Amino acid sequence: MTADLVRGPVVEGELVDDEEQGAGTTVATSDSAAAAVLAALEQGAEEHIAASRPHKTKVSYANDWALWCEFHGWLAERTGTKLPLTVVTKGTMVSFTV
């Protein structure tokens, strides 16, 4: 990203559950300037990842993420509680890797 960032007002926001957001969708904000910044950051991240990771690494990461999602589904079946995919604790990591 070559554009200079300009400091603006602080914008309130909230985390969005991965499944609520879905792939390729935008996060709803009450501020169009914040939405534009988020969109630019998302695009810059996608371009950076695409350019900086070898194909095999990207495939491996995608496979790891799929397993993590499967683990969360398995955990939800057993506990009756679906955790957000971004919940990472010592317990979730040990359970996932054992």
C-alpha atoms as a PDB file:
ATOM      1  CA  MET A   1       0.000   0.000   0.000  1.00  0.00           C
ATOM      2  CA  THR A   2       1.581   3.169  -1.120  1.00  0.00           C
ATOM      3  CA  ALA A   3      -1.082   5.665  -0.015  1.00  0.00           C
ATOM      4  CA  ASP A   4      -0.322   7.796   3.023  1.00  0.00           C
ATOM      5  CA  LEU A   5      -2.693   7.293   5.912  1.00  0.00           C
ATOM      6  CA  VAL A   6      -4.288  10.408   7.325  1.00  0.00           C
ATOM      7  CA  ARG A   7      -5.155  10.455  11.033  1.00  0.00           C
ATOM      8  CA  GLY A   8      -8.885  10.848  11.433  1.00  0.00           C
ATOM      9  CA  PRO A   9     -11.386  10.611  14.233  1.00  0.00           C
ATOM     10  CA  VAL A  10     -11.562   7.470  16.359  1.00  0.00           C
ATOM     11  CA  VAL A  11     -14.286   5.172  15.071  1.00  0.00           C
ATOM     12  CA  GLU A  12     -16.152   2.783  17.308  1.00  0.00           C
ATOM     13  CA  GLY A  13     -16.550  -0.748  16.020  1.00  0.00           C
ATOM     14  CA  GLU A  14     -17.074  -4.300  17.086  1.00  0.00           C
ATOM     15  CA  LEU A  15     -15.697  -7.687  16.182  1.00  0.00           C
ATOM     16  CA  VAL A  16     -17.797  -9.624  13.708  1.00  0.00           C
ATOM     17  CA  ASP A  17     -18.135 -13.387  13.903  1.00  0.00           C
ATOM     18  CA  ASP A  18     -16.484 -15.036  10.889  1.00  0.00           C
ATOM     19  CA  GLU A  19     -19.670 -16.882   9.967  1.00  0.00           C
ATOM     20  CA  GLU A  20     -21.822 -13.764  10.294  1.00  0.00           C
ATOM     21  CA  GLN A  21     -19.477 -11.827   8.030  1.00  0.00           C
ATOM     22  CA  GLY A  22     -18.795 -14.535   5.451  1.00  0.00           C
ATOM     23  CA  ALA A  23     -16.054 -14.534   2.865  1.00  0.00           C
ATOM     24  CA  GLY A  24     -15.808 -11.529   0.606  1.00  0.00           C
ATOM     25  CA  THR A  25     -18.334  -9.402   2.466  1.00  0.00           C
ATOM     26  CA  THR A  26     -17.843  -6.026   4.060  1.00  0.00           C
ATOM     27  CA  VAL A  27     -18.178  -5.107   7.704  1.00  0.00           C
ATOM     28  CA  ALA A  28     -21.059  -2.710   8.368  1.00  0.00           C
ATOM     29  CA  THR A  29     -19.979   0.577   9.890  1.00  0.00           C
ATOM     30  CA  SER A  30     -21.866   3.757  10.638  1.00  0.00           C
ATOM     31  CA  ASP A  31     -19.075   5.825   9.112  1.00  0.00           C
ATOM     32  CA  SER A  32     -18.340   5.694   5.377  1.00  0.00           C
ATOM     33  CA  ALA A  33     -14.763   6.884   5.963  1.00  0.00           C
ATOM     34  CA  ALA A  34     -14.154   3.983   8.363  1.00  0.00           C
ATOM     35  CA  ALA A  35     -15.653   1.581   5.839  1.00  0.00           C
ATOM     36  CA  ALA A  36     -13.281   2.900   3.162  1.00  0.00           C
ATOM     37  CA  VAL A  37     -10.265   2.483   5.467  1.00  0.00           C
ATOM     38  CA  LEU A  38     -11.309  -1.079   6.363  1.00  0.00           C
ATOM     39  CA  ALA A  39     -11.805  -1.931   2.688  1.00  0.00           C
ATOM     40  CA  ALA A  40      -8.383  -0.530   1.767  1.00  0.00           C
ATOM     41  CA  LEU A  41      -6.697  -2.439   4.598  1.00  0.00           C
ATOM     42  CA  GLU A  42      -8.462  -5.649   3.574  1.00  0.00           C
ATOM     43  CA  GLN A  43      -7.390  -5.221  -0.063  1.00  0.00           C
ATOM     44  CA  GLY A  44      -3.822  -4.400   0.974  1.00  0.00           C
ATOM     45  CA  ALA A  45      -3.698  -7.486   3.189  1.00  0.00           C
ATOM     46  CA  GLU A  46      -4.961  -9.715   0.372  1.00  0.00           C
ATOM     47  CA  GLU A  47      -2.369  -8.316  -2.034  1.00  0.00           C
ATOM     48  CA  HIS A  48       0.431  -8.679   0.512  1.00  0.00           C
ATOM     49  CA  ILE A  49      -0.483 -12.281   1.320  1.00  0.00           C
ATOM     50  CA  ALA A  50      -0.807 -13.187  -2.351  1.00  0.00           C
ATOM     51  CA  ALA A  51       2.585 -11.690  -3.188  1.00  0.00           C
ATOM     52  CA  SER A  52       4.584 -12.816  -0.174  1.00  0.00           C
ATOM     53  CA  ARG A  53       3.596 -16.442   0.373  1.00  0.00           C
ATOM     54  CA  PRO A  54       4.592 -19.389  -1.816  1.00  0.00           C
ATOM     55  CA  HIS A  55       1.667 -21.359  -3.246  1.00  0.00           C
ATOM     56  CA  LYS A  56       2.389 -24.429  -1.091  1.00  0.00           C
ATOM     57  CA  THR A  57       2.383 -22.284   2.045  1.00  0.00           C
ATOM     58  CA  LYS A  58      -0.989 -20.765   1.140  1.00  0.00           C
ATOM     59  CA  VAL A  59      -2.429 -24.235   0.508  1.00  0.00           C
ATOM     60  CA  SER A  60      -1.027 -25.467   3.809  1.00  0.00           C
ATOM     61  CA  TYR A  61      -2.501 -22.482   5.699  1.00  0.00           C
ATOM     62  CA  ALA A  62      -5.888 -23.060   4.037  1.00  0.00           C
ATOM     63  CA  ASN A  63      -5.787 -26.718   5.081  1.00  0.00           C
ATOM     64  CA  ASP A  64      -4.850 -25.742   8.648  1.00  0.00           C
ATOM     65  CA  TRP A  65      -7.738 -23.262   8.765  1.00  0.00           C
ATOM     66  CA  ALA A  66     -10.167 -25.904   7.478  1.00  0.00           C
ATOM     67  CA  LEU A  67      -9.027 -28.269  10.243  1.00  0.00           C
ATOM     68  CA  TRP A  68      -9.426 -25.486  12.826  1.00  0.00           C
ATOM     69  CA  CYS A  69     -12.998 -24.886  11.589  1.00  0.00           C
ATOM     70  CA  GLU A  70     -13.708 -28.620  11.734  1.00  0.00           C
ATOM     71  CA  PHE A  71     -12.329 -28.748  15.282  1.00  0.00           C
ATOM     72  CA  HIS A  72     -14.652 -25.906  16.332  1.00  0.00           C
ATOM     73  CA  GLY A  73     -17.600 -27.798  14.841  1.00  0.00           C
ATOM     74  CA  TRP A  74     -16.573 -30.954  16.706  1.00  0.00           C
ATOM     75  CA  LEU A  75     -16.217 -28.967  19.926  1.00  0.00           C
ATOM     76  CA  ALA A  76     -19.649 -27.361  19.465  1.00  0.00           C
ATOM     77  CA  GLU A  77     -21.248 -30.786  18.996  1.00  0.00           C
ATOM     78  CA  ARG A  78     -19.817 -31.965  22.305  1.00  0.00           C
ATOM     79  CA  THR A  79     -20.341 -28.837  24.395  1.00  0.00           C
ATOM     80  CA  GLY A  80     -23.460 -27.334  22.857  1.00  0.00           C
ATOM     81  CA  THR A  81     -21.635 -24.014  22.559  1.00  0.00           C
ATOM     82  CA  LYS A  82     -20.177 -22.685  19.334  1.00  0.00           C
ATOM     83  CA  LEU A  83     -17.078 -20.614  20.000  1.00  0.00           C
ATOM     84  CA  PRO A  84     -15.953 -17.923  17.559  1.00  0.00           C
ATOM     85  CA  LEU A  85     -13.231 -19.241  15.258  1.00  0.00           C
ATOM     86  CA  THR A  86     -10.869 -16.586  16.568  1.00  0.00           C
ATOM     87  CA  VAL A  87     -10.949 -17.900  20.148  1.00  0.00           C
ATOM     88  CA  VAL A  88      -7.433 -19.143  20.839  1.00  0.00           C
ATOM     89  CA  THR A  89      -6.526 -20.225  24.336  1.00  0.00           C
ATOM     90  CA  LYS A  90      -4.061 -22.701  25.748  1.00  0.00           C
ATOM     91  CA  GLY A  91      -6.958 -25.154  26.118  1.00  0.00           C
ATOM     92  CA  THR A  92      -8.171 -24.810  22.537  1.00  0.00           C
ATOM     93  CA  MET A  93      -4.665 -25.136  21.109  1.00  0.00           C
ATOM     94  CA  VAL A  94      -3.742 -28.196  23.199  1.00  0.00           C
ATOM     95  CA  SER A  95      -7.077 -29.869  22.404  1.00  0.00           C
ATOM     96  CA  PHE A  96      -6.653 -29.093  18.705  1.00  0.00           C
ATOM     97  CA  THR A  97      -3.141 -30.493  18.464  1.00  0.00           C
ATOM     98  CA  VAL A  98      -3.606 -33.622  20.603  1.00  0.00           C
END
